[in-house]
Amino acid sequence: MLTSYKSALKFVLALSPLALVAGYSTAIYTWENLTTENRMLLLSKLPSFTMYLVLMTLQSLSYAIILGSIGYLLAHKIGLIKDFTVQKIGLKVTAVIAIVNGFILSLDKSLFGHLSQIAQTYADKPTLATWVASITYGGVIEEIIMRLFLMSVYDGYPYLFLDLDEYKSYSRG
């Protein structure tokens, strides 16, 4: 059991720098999309803009640490955590699939950009904060929350009422 706690700690420590970047970039992205009136309202409730950045960054970090730890420990307890290995053929196949799908998804503007409702979204160029927030928060932190934590809780809930061996045979067929 101690090794699973150590593994969970290593996991959240490795995830923490990314969570900090995610929180900070999400704060900037959110700020960029607020109206002037909402910016002033927000600043009236906080001592400074820096405090806003700190709070948004800490929120993302706490999601990653708390939910990542609980999700990792629960997933480990019910047998969802597997040893990480890299296989060259799997890595190559994954890279090819990612590149092909990335190319297909980049055609979005060409295929749908002529539609009036969508054309406006293409007129607004995304900022660096938008891209970084999308990748780090939307791509990593939300996955930790939804997949690792919530899916482990959902899958592990019966474990609270059943013996582990009985649960594994019940849940895995």
Foldseek 3Di string as FASTA:
>chain_A
DVVLLVVLVVVLVVLQVLLLLLQQLVLVVVVVPDDPVVVVVVCVVDVDSVVSSVVSSVVSSCLSNVLSSQLSSLCVLLVNDDDDDDDPVVVVVVVVVVVVVVVVVVCCCVVPCVDPVNVVVVVDDDDPSRVSNCCRCVVPSVCSNVPRRVVSCVLRVCVVVDPSVVSNVVSVD
